Full PDB file with SEQRES, HELIX, SHEET, SSBOND, CRYST1, ORIGX, SCALE, CONECT and MASTER records, all heavy atoms in Angstrom:
SEQRES   1 A   33  PRO THR ASP TRP GLN THR VAL ASP LEU GLN ALA GLY ASP          
SEQRES   2 A   33  VAL LYS PRO ASP GLY GLN LEU ALA VAL ALA GLU ALA TRP          
SEQRES   3 A   33  ARG VAL GLY ILE ASP SER ALA                                  
SHEET    1 AA1 2 GLN A   5  GLN A  10  0                                        
SHEET    2 AA1 2 ARG A  27  ASP A  31 -1                                        
CRYST1    1.000    1.000    1.000  90.00  90.00  90.00 P 1           1          
ORIGX1      1.000000  0.000000  0.000000        0.00000                         
ORIGX2      0.000000  1.000000  0.000000        0.00000                         
ORIGX3      0.000000  0.000000  1.000000        0.00000                         
SCALE1      1.000000  0.000000  0.000000        0.00000                         
SCALE2      0.000000  1.000000  0.000000        0.00000                         
SCALE3      0.000000  0.000000  1.000000        0.00000                         
ATOM      1  N   PRO A   1     110.029  75.094  86.059  1.00  0.00           N  
ATOM      2  CA  PRO A   1     109.505  75.193  84.655  1.00  0.00           C  
ATOM      3  C   PRO A   1     108.358  76.202  84.595  1.00  0.00           C  
ATOM      4  O   PRO A   1     107.728  76.496  85.576  1.00  0.00           O  
ATOM      5  CB  PRO A   1     108.945  73.746  84.333  1.00  0.00           C  
ATOM      6  CG  PRO A   1     109.765  72.974  85.185  1.00  0.00           C  
ATOM      7  CD  PRO A   1     110.044  73.678  86.501  1.00  0.00           C  
ATOM      8  N   THR A   2     108.090  76.770  83.371  1.00  0.00           N  
ATOM      9  CA  THR A   2     107.049  77.826  83.301  1.00  0.00           C  
ATOM     10  C   THR A   2     105.718  77.333  83.472  1.00  0.00           C  
ATOM     11  O   THR A   2     104.692  78.160  83.838  1.00  0.00           O  
ATOM     12  CB  THR A   2     107.085  78.360  81.778  1.00  0.00           C  
ATOM     13  OG1 THR A   2     107.031  77.317  80.839  1.00  0.00           O  
ATOM     14  CG2 THR A   2     108.458  79.059  81.518  1.00  0.00           C  
ATOM     15  N   ASP A   3     105.469  76.095  83.325  1.00  0.00           N  
ATOM     16  CA  ASP A   3     104.085  75.525  83.578  1.00  0.00           C  
ATOM     17  C   ASP A   3     103.905  75.057  85.023  1.00  0.00           C  
ATOM     18  O   ASP A   3     102.846  74.509  85.457  1.00  0.00           O  
ATOM     19  CB  ASP A   3     103.723  74.312  82.561  1.00  0.00           C  
ATOM     20  CG  ASP A   3     104.816  73.133  82.704  1.00  0.00           C  
ATOM     21  OD1 ASP A   3     105.833  73.437  83.353  1.00  0.00           O  
ATOM     22  OD2 ASP A   3     104.544  72.131  82.177  1.00  0.00           O  
ATOM     23  N   TRP A   4     104.940  75.298  85.906  1.00  0.00           N  
ATOM     24  CA  TRP A   4     104.776  75.210  87.320  1.00  0.00           C  
ATOM     25  C   TRP A   4     104.372  76.469  87.995  1.00  0.00           C  
ATOM     26  O   TRP A   4     104.897  77.525  87.544  1.00  0.00           O  
ATOM     27  CB  TRP A   4     106.111  74.562  87.964  1.00  0.00           C  
ATOM     28  CG  TRP A   4     106.364  73.206  87.676  1.00  0.00           C  
ATOM     29  CD1 TRP A   4     106.486  72.633  86.398  1.00  0.00           C  
ATOM     30  CD2 TRP A   4     106.786  72.222  88.606  1.00  0.00           C  
ATOM     31  NE1 TRP A   4     106.926  71.333  86.600  1.00  0.00           N  
ATOM     32  CE2 TRP A   4     107.062  71.070  87.889  1.00  0.00           C  
ATOM     33  CE3 TRP A   4     106.912  72.170  90.026  1.00  0.00           C  
ATOM     34  CZ2 TRP A   4     107.507  69.892  88.463  1.00  0.00           C  
ATOM     35  CZ3 TRP A   4     107.300  71.062  90.564  1.00  0.00           C  
ATOM     36  CH2 TRP A   4     107.622  69.930  89.853  1.00  0.00           C  
ATOM     37  N   GLN A   5     103.586  76.460  88.984  1.00  0.00           N  
ATOM     38  CA  GLN A   5     103.236  77.671  89.681  1.00  0.00           C  
ATOM     39  C   GLN A   5     103.536  77.691  91.184  1.00  0.00           C  
ATOM     40  O   GLN A   5     103.836  76.550  91.690  1.00  0.00           O  
ATOM     41  CB  GLN A   5     101.752  77.898  89.588  1.00  0.00           C  
ATOM     42  CG  GLN A   5     101.250  78.073  88.140  1.00  0.00           C  
ATOM     43  CD  GLN A   5     101.806  79.232  87.402  1.00  0.00           C  
ATOM     44  OE1 GLN A   5     102.028  80.314  87.952  1.00  0.00           O  
ATOM     45  NE2 GLN A   5     102.231  79.030  86.048  1.00  0.00           N  
ATOM     46  N   THR A   6     103.632  78.780  91.856  1.00  0.00           N  
ATOM     47  CA  THR A   6     104.015  78.818  93.276  1.00  0.00           C  
ATOM     48  C   THR A   6     102.756  79.082  94.048  1.00  0.00           C  
ATOM     49  O   THR A   6     101.782  79.758  93.542  1.00  0.00           O  
ATOM     50  CB  THR A   6     105.119  79.980  93.500  1.00  0.00           C  
ATOM     51  OG1 THR A   6     104.452  81.225  93.133  1.00  0.00           O  
ATOM     52  CG2 THR A   6     106.303  79.672  92.703  1.00  0.00           C  
ATOM     53  N   VAL A   7     102.730  78.635  95.298  1.00  0.00           N  
ATOM     54  CA  VAL A   7     101.749  78.793  96.225  1.00  0.00           C  
ATOM     55  C   VAL A   7     102.330  79.180  97.581  1.00  0.00           C  
ATOM     56  O   VAL A   7     103.092  78.467  98.040  1.00  0.00           O  
ATOM     57  CB  VAL A   7     100.912  77.419  96.423  1.00  0.00           C  
ATOM     58  CG1 VAL A   7      99.852  77.773  97.521  1.00  0.00           C  
ATOM     59  CG2 VAL A   7     100.199  76.947  95.098  1.00  0.00           C  
ATOM     60  N   ASP A   8     102.046  80.384  97.972  1.00  0.00           N  
ATOM     61  CA  ASP A   8     102.522  80.876  99.249  1.00  0.00           C  
ATOM     62  C   ASP A   8     101.915  80.146 100.468  1.00  0.00           C  
ATOM     63  O   ASP A   8     100.711  80.169 100.599  1.00  0.00           O  
ATOM     64  CB  ASP A   8     102.238  82.380  99.390  1.00  0.00           C  
ATOM     65  CG  ASP A   8     102.976  83.241  98.468  1.00  0.00           C  
ATOM     66  OD1 ASP A   8     104.119  82.822  98.006  1.00  0.00           O  
ATOM     67  OD2 ASP A   8     102.511  84.423  98.128  1.00  0.00           O  
ATOM     68  N   LEU A   9     102.912  79.501 101.235  1.00  0.00           N  
ATOM     69  CA  LEU A   9     102.393  78.636 102.287  1.00  0.00           C  
ATOM     70  C   LEU A   9     102.601  79.374 103.529  1.00  0.00           C  
ATOM     71  O   LEU A   9     101.878  79.136 104.535  1.00  0.00           O  
ATOM     72  CB  LEU A   9     103.011  77.294 102.216  1.00  0.00           C  
ATOM     73  CG  LEU A   9     102.792  76.417 100.937  1.00  0.00           C  
ATOM     74  CD1 LEU A   9     103.546  75.173 101.017  1.00  0.00           C  
ATOM     75  CD2 LEU A   9     101.235  76.122 100.858  1.00  0.00           C  
ATOM     76  N   GLN A  10     103.733  79.965 103.779  1.00  0.00           N  
ATOM     77  CA  GLN A  10     104.118  80.621 105.110  1.00  0.00           C  
ATOM     78  C   GLN A  10     105.155  81.669 104.779  1.00  0.00           C  
ATOM     79  O   GLN A  10     106.273  81.430 104.398  1.00  0.00           O  
ATOM     80  CB  GLN A  10     104.724  79.654 106.027  1.00  0.00           C  
ATOM     81  CG  GLN A  10     104.931  80.164 107.381  1.00  0.00           C  
ATOM     82  CD  GLN A  10     105.319  79.094 108.434  1.00  0.00           C  
ATOM     83  OE1 GLN A  10     104.899  77.987 108.318  1.00  0.00           O  
ATOM     84  NE2 GLN A  10     106.126  79.464 109.395  1.00  0.00           N  
ATOM     85  N   ALA A  11     104.861  82.887 105.057  1.00  0.00           N  
ATOM     86  CA  ALA A  11     105.717  84.025 104.705  1.00  0.00           C  
ATOM     87  C   ALA A  11     106.538  84.430 106.051  1.00  0.00           C  
ATOM     88  O   ALA A  11     106.084  85.458 106.668  1.00  0.00           O  
ATOM     89  CB  ALA A  11     105.051  85.219 104.160  1.00  0.00           C  
ATOM     90  N   GLY A  12     107.522  83.684 106.241  1.00  0.00           N  
ATOM     91  CA  GLY A  12     108.278  83.927 107.552  1.00  0.00           C  
ATOM     92  C   GLY A  12     109.463  84.875 107.291  1.00  0.00           C  
ATOM     93  O   GLY A  12     109.647  85.229 106.239  1.00  0.00           O  
ATOM     94  N   ASP A  13     109.975  85.413 108.449  1.00  0.00           N  
ATOM     95  CA  ASP A  13     111.299  86.097 108.295  1.00  0.00           C  
ATOM     96  C   ASP A  13     112.519  85.268 108.713  1.00  0.00           C  
ATOM     97  O   ASP A  13     112.443  84.498 109.715  1.00  0.00           O  
ATOM     98  CB  ASP A  13     111.203  87.338 109.196  1.00  0.00           C  
ATOM     99  CG  ASP A  13     112.091  88.369 109.032  1.00  0.00           C  
ATOM    100  OD1 ASP A  13     113.230  88.015 108.549  1.00  0.00           O  
ATOM    101  OD2 ASP A  13     111.876  89.510 109.189  1.00  0.00           O  
ATOM    102  N   VAL A  14     113.466  85.199 107.846  1.00  0.00           N  
ATOM    103  CA  VAL A  14     114.568  84.183 108.060  1.00  0.00           C  
ATOM    104  C   VAL A  14     115.910  84.818 108.261  1.00  0.00           C  
ATOM    105  O   VAL A  14     116.818  84.237 107.895  1.00  0.00           O  
ATOM    106  CB  VAL A  14     114.585  83.246 106.740  1.00  0.00           C  
ATOM    107  CG1 VAL A  14     113.322  82.418 106.676  1.00  0.00           C  
ATOM    108  CG2 VAL A  14     114.727  84.115 105.525  1.00  0.00           C  
ATOM    109  N   LYS A  15     115.900  85.885 109.005  1.00  0.00           N  
ATOM    110  CA  LYS A  15     117.131  86.463 109.485  1.00  0.00           C  
ATOM    111  C   LYS A  15     117.758  85.469 110.541  1.00  0.00           C  
ATOM    112  O   LYS A  15     117.123  84.813 111.162  1.00  0.00           O  
ATOM    113  CB  LYS A  15     117.030  87.834 110.060  1.00  0.00           C  
ATOM    114  CG  LYS A  15     116.870  88.938 109.013  1.00  0.00           C  
ATOM    115  CD  LYS A  15     116.932  90.336 109.600  1.00  0.00           C  
ATOM    116  CE  LYS A  15     116.928  91.458 108.601  1.00  0.00           C  
ATOM    117  NZ  LYS A  15     116.886  92.621 109.108  1.00  0.00           N  
ATOM    118  N   PRO A  16     119.067  85.466 110.735  1.00  0.00           N  
ATOM    119  CA  PRO A  16     119.712  84.664 111.789  1.00  0.00           C  
ATOM    120  C   PRO A  16     119.140  84.971 113.109  1.00  0.00           C  
ATOM    121  O   PRO A  16     118.798  86.064 113.398  1.00  0.00           O  
ATOM    122  CB  PRO A  16     121.193  85.078 111.726  1.00  0.00           C  
ATOM    123  CG  PRO A  16     121.357  85.556 110.288  1.00  0.00           C  
ATOM    124  CD  PRO A  16     120.038  86.191 109.961  1.00  0.00           C  
ATOM    125  N   ASP A  17     119.129  83.854 113.990  1.00  0.00           N  
ATOM    126  CA  ASP A  17     118.688  84.115 115.379  1.00  0.00           C  
ATOM    127  C   ASP A  17     119.397  85.223 116.069  1.00  0.00           C  
ATOM    128  O   ASP A  17     120.573  85.415 115.873  1.00  0.00           O  
ATOM    129  CB  ASP A  17     118.896  82.786 116.107  1.00  0.00           C  
ATOM    130  CG  ASP A  17     118.272  82.795 117.503  1.00  0.00           C  
ATOM    131  OD1 ASP A  17     117.127  82.904 117.567  1.00  0.00           O  
ATOM    132  OD2 ASP A  17     119.092  82.731 118.512  1.00  0.00           O  
ATOM    133  N   GLY A  18     118.649  85.990 116.877  1.00  0.00           N  
ATOM    134  CA  GLY A  18     119.176  87.113 117.627  1.00  0.00           C  
ATOM    135  C   GLY A  18     118.799  88.414 116.977  1.00  0.00           C  
ATOM    136  O   GLY A  18     118.957  89.492 117.656  1.00  0.00           O  
ATOM    137  N   GLN A  19     118.454  88.479 115.640  1.00  0.00           N  
ATOM    138  CA  GLN A  19     118.143  89.722 115.021  1.00  0.00           C  
ATOM    139  C   GLN A  19     116.571  89.901 115.037  1.00  0.00           C  
ATOM    140  O   GLN A  19     116.205  90.922 114.580  1.00  0.00           O  
ATOM    141  CB  GLN A  19     118.656  89.679 113.506  1.00  0.00           C  
ATOM    142  CG  GLN A  19     120.202  89.629 113.437  1.00  0.00           C  
ATOM    143  CD  GLN A  19     120.705  89.710 112.009  1.00  0.00           C  
ATOM    144  OE1 GLN A  19     119.916  90.249 111.208  1.00  0.00           O  
ATOM    145  NE2 GLN A  19     121.881  89.187 111.766  1.00  0.00           N  
ATOM    146  N   LEU A  20     115.904  88.968 115.443  1.00  0.00           N  
ATOM    147  CA  LEU A  20     114.488  89.043 115.493  1.00  0.00           C  
ATOM    148  C   LEU A  20     113.881  88.662 116.914  1.00  0.00           C  
ATOM    149  O   LEU A  20     114.519  87.745 117.527  1.00  0.00           O  
ATOM    150  CB  LEU A  20     113.842  88.070 114.411  1.00  0.00           C  
ATOM    151  CG  LEU A  20     114.080  88.387 113.035  1.00  0.00           C  
ATOM    152  CD1 LEU A  20     113.699  87.282 112.166  1.00  0.00           C  
ATOM    153  CD2 LEU A  20     113.334  89.587 112.508  1.00  0.00           C  
ATOM    154  N   ALA A  21     112.703  89.149 117.240  1.00  0.00           N  
ATOM    155  CA  ALA A  21     112.149  88.718 118.394  1.00  0.00           C  
ATOM    156  C   ALA A  21     111.709  87.392 118.240  1.00  0.00           C  
ATOM    157  O   ALA A  21     111.795  86.475 119.190  1.00  0.00           O  
ATOM    158  CB  ALA A  21     110.920  89.672 118.724  1.00  0.00           C  
ATOM    159  N   VAL A  22     110.981  87.005 117.067  1.00  0.00           N  
ATOM    160  CA  VAL A  22     110.543  85.546 116.775  1.00  0.00           C  
ATOM    161  C   VAL A  22     110.988  85.281 115.408  1.00  0.00           C  
ATOM    162  O   VAL A  22     110.653  85.924 114.369  1.00  0.00           O  
ATOM    163  CB  VAL A  22     109.009  85.443 116.982  1.00  0.00           C  
ATOM    164  CG1 VAL A  22     108.588  84.088 116.646  1.00  0.00           C  
ATOM    165  CG2 VAL A  22     108.652  85.831 118.364  1.00  0.00           C  
ATOM    166  N   ALA A  23     111.724  84.163 115.230  1.00  0.00           N  
ATOM    167  CA  ALA A  23     112.187  83.756 113.951  1.00  0.00           C  
ATOM    168  C   ALA A  23     111.104  82.724 113.461  1.00  0.00           C  
ATOM    169  O   ALA A  23     110.739  81.884 114.191  1.00  0.00           O  
ATOM    170  CB  ALA A  23     113.608  83.077 113.898  1.00  0.00           C  
ATOM    171  N   GLU A  24     110.781  82.918 112.160  1.00  0.00           N  
ATOM    172  CA  GLU A  24     109.765  82.059 111.530  1.00  0.00           C  
ATOM    173  C   GLU A  24     110.257  81.499 110.286  1.00  0.00           C  
ATOM    174  O   GLU A  24     111.017  82.056 109.587  1.00  0.00           O  
ATOM    175  CB  GLU A  24     108.423  82.788 111.182  1.00  0.00           C  
ATOM    176  CG  GLU A  24     107.869  83.429 112.528  1.00  0.00           C  
ATOM    177  CD  GLU A  24     106.512  84.128 112.191  1.00  0.00           C  
ATOM    178  OE1 GLU A  24     106.274  84.499 110.995  1.00  0.00           O  
ATOM    179  OE2 GLU A  24     105.718  84.380 112.987  1.00  0.00           O  
ATOM    180  N   ALA A  25     109.703  80.241 109.947  1.00  0.00           N  
ATOM    181  CA  ALA A  25     110.133  79.646 108.716  1.00  0.00           C  
ATOM    182  C   ALA A  25     109.441  80.359 107.488  1.00  0.00           C  
ATOM    183  O   ALA A  25     108.457  80.894 107.717  1.00  0.00           O  
ATOM    184  CB  ALA A  25     109.843  78.125 108.794  1.00  0.00           C  
ATOM    185  N   TRP A  26     110.104  80.121 106.368  1.00  0.00           N  
ATOM    186  CA  TRP A  26     109.517  80.654 105.172  1.00  0.00           C  
ATOM    187  C   TRP A  26     109.300  79.349 104.187  1.00  0.00           C  
ATOM    188  O   TRP A  26     110.173  78.542 103.999  1.00  0.00           O  
ATOM    189  CB  TRP A  26     110.481  81.571 104.497  1.00  0.00           C  
ATOM    190  CG  TRP A  26     110.194  82.098 103.105  1.00  0.00           C  
ATOM    191  CD1 TRP A  26     109.397  83.192 102.885  1.00  0.00           C  
ATOM    192  CD2 TRP A  26     110.696  81.627 101.938  1.00  0.00           C  
ATOM    193  NE1 TRP A  26     109.348  83.328 101.558  1.00  0.00           N  
ATOM    194  CE2 TRP A  26     110.180  82.467 100.851  1.00  0.00           C  
ATOM    195  CE3 TRP A  26     111.560  80.575 101.512  1.00  0.00           C  
ATOM    196  CZ2 TRP A  26     110.473  82.342  99.525  1.00  0.00           C  
ATOM    197  CZ3 TRP A  26     111.894  80.340 100.137  1.00  0.00           C  
ATOM    198  CH2 TRP A  26     111.283  81.179  99.160  1.00  0.00           C  
ATOM    199  N   ARG A  27     107.997  79.311 103.656  1.00  0.00           N  
ATOM    200  CA  ARG A  27     107.708  78.099 102.799  1.00  0.00           C  
ATOM    201  C   ARG A  27     106.940  78.566 101.677  1.00  0.00           C  
ATOM    202  O   ARG A  27     105.894  79.302 101.742  1.00  0.00           O  
ATOM    203  CB  ARG A  27     106.805  77.146 103.789  1.00  0.00           C  
ATOM    204  CG  ARG A  27     107.423  76.692 104.940  1.00  0.00           C  
ATOM    205  CD  ARG A  27     106.525  75.791 105.756  1.00  0.00           C  
ATOM    206  NE  ARG A  27     106.333  74.522 105.093  1.00  0.00           N  
ATOM    207  CZ  ARG A  27     105.162  73.971 104.680  1.00  0.00           C  
ATOM    208  NH1 ARG A  27     104.013  74.715 104.903  1.00  0.00           N  
ATOM    209  NH2 ARG A  27     105.107  72.688 104.184  1.00  0.00           N  
ATOM    210  N   VAL A  28     107.308  77.953 100.477  1.00  0.00           N  
ATOM    211  CA  VAL A  28     106.569  78.205  99.254  1.00  0.00           C  
ATOM    212  C   VAL A  28     106.396  76.904  98.535  1.00  0.00           C  
ATOM    213  O   VAL A  28     107.305  76.048  98.495  1.00  0.00           O  
ATOM    214  CB  VAL A  28     107.384  79.125  98.303  1.00  0.00           C  
ATOM    215  CG1 VAL A  28     106.745  79.264  96.948  1.00  0.00           C  
ATOM    216  CG2 VAL A  28     107.555  80.557  98.991  1.00  0.00           C  
ATOM    217  N   GLY A  29     105.151  76.616  98.089  1.00  0.00           N  
ATOM    218  CA  GLY A  29     104.864  75.350  97.400  1.00  0.00           C  
ATOM    219  C   GLY A  29     105.050  75.593  95.930  1.00  0.00           C  
ATOM    220  O   GLY A  29     104.887  76.648  95.409  1.00  0.00           O  
ATOM    221  N   ILE A  30     105.502  74.624  95.293  1.00  0.00           N  
ATOM    222  CA  ILE A  30     105.666  74.605  93.720  1.00  0.00           C  
ATOM    223  C   ILE A  30     104.807  73.524  93.186  1.00  0.00           C  
ATOM    224  O   ILE A  30     104.953  72.338  93.600  1.00  0.00           O  
ATOM    225  CB  ILE A  30     107.160  74.416  93.325  1.00  0.00           C  
ATOM    226  CG1 ILE A  30     107.893  73.278  93.991  1.00  0.00           C  
ATOM    227  CG2 ILE A  30     107.795  75.739  93.642  1.00  0.00           C  
ATOM    228  CD1 ILE A  30     109.315  73.144  93.512  1.00  0.00           C  
ATOM    229  N   ASP A  31     103.932  73.761  92.270  1.00  0.00           N  
ATOM    230  CA  ASP A  31     102.903  72.852  91.895  1.00  0.00           C  
ATOM    231  C   ASP A  31     102.913  72.794  90.320  1.00  0.00           C  
ATOM    232  O   ASP A  31     102.760  73.866  89.673  1.00  0.00           O  
ATOM    233  CB  ASP A  31     101.524  73.395  92.439  1.00  0.00           C  
ATOM    234  CG  ASP A  31     100.456  72.324  92.304  1.00  0.00           C  
ATOM    235  OD1 ASP A  31     100.645  71.398  91.541  1.00  0.00           O  
ATOM    236  OD2 ASP A  31      99.520  72.439  93.177  1.00  0.00           O  
ATOM    237  N   SER A  32     102.932  71.528  89.735  1.00  0.00           N  
ATOM    238  CA  SER A  32     102.919  71.353  88.411  1.00  0.00           C  
ATOM    239  C   SER A  32     101.493  71.164  87.786  1.00  0.00           C  
ATOM    240  O   SER A  32     101.263  70.986  86.614  1.00  0.00           O  
ATOM    241  CB  SER A  32     103.722  70.203  87.917  1.00  0.00           C  
ATOM    242  OG  SER A  32     103.238  68.911  88.370  1.00  0.00           O  
ATOM    243  N   ALA A  33     100.512  71.025  88.729  1.00  0.00           N  
ATOM    244  CA  ALA A  33      99.156  70.838  88.351  1.00  0.00           C  
ATOM    245  C   ALA A  33      98.538  72.018  87.528  1.00  0.00           C  
ATOM    246  O   ALA A  33      98.962  73.115  87.663  1.00  0.00           O  
ATOM    247  CB  ALA A  33      98.316  70.605  89.568  1.00  0.00           C  
TER     248      ALA A  33                                                      
MASTER        0    0    0    0    2    0    0    6  247    1    0    3          
END                                                                             
């Protein structure tokens, strides 16, 4: 919804394993406050 906002929690790279030296998770918070 338009009154929810996003909060960047972890900007990882999510290509399949083998295409990166280190694969990291990607996380975004969504907050209605």
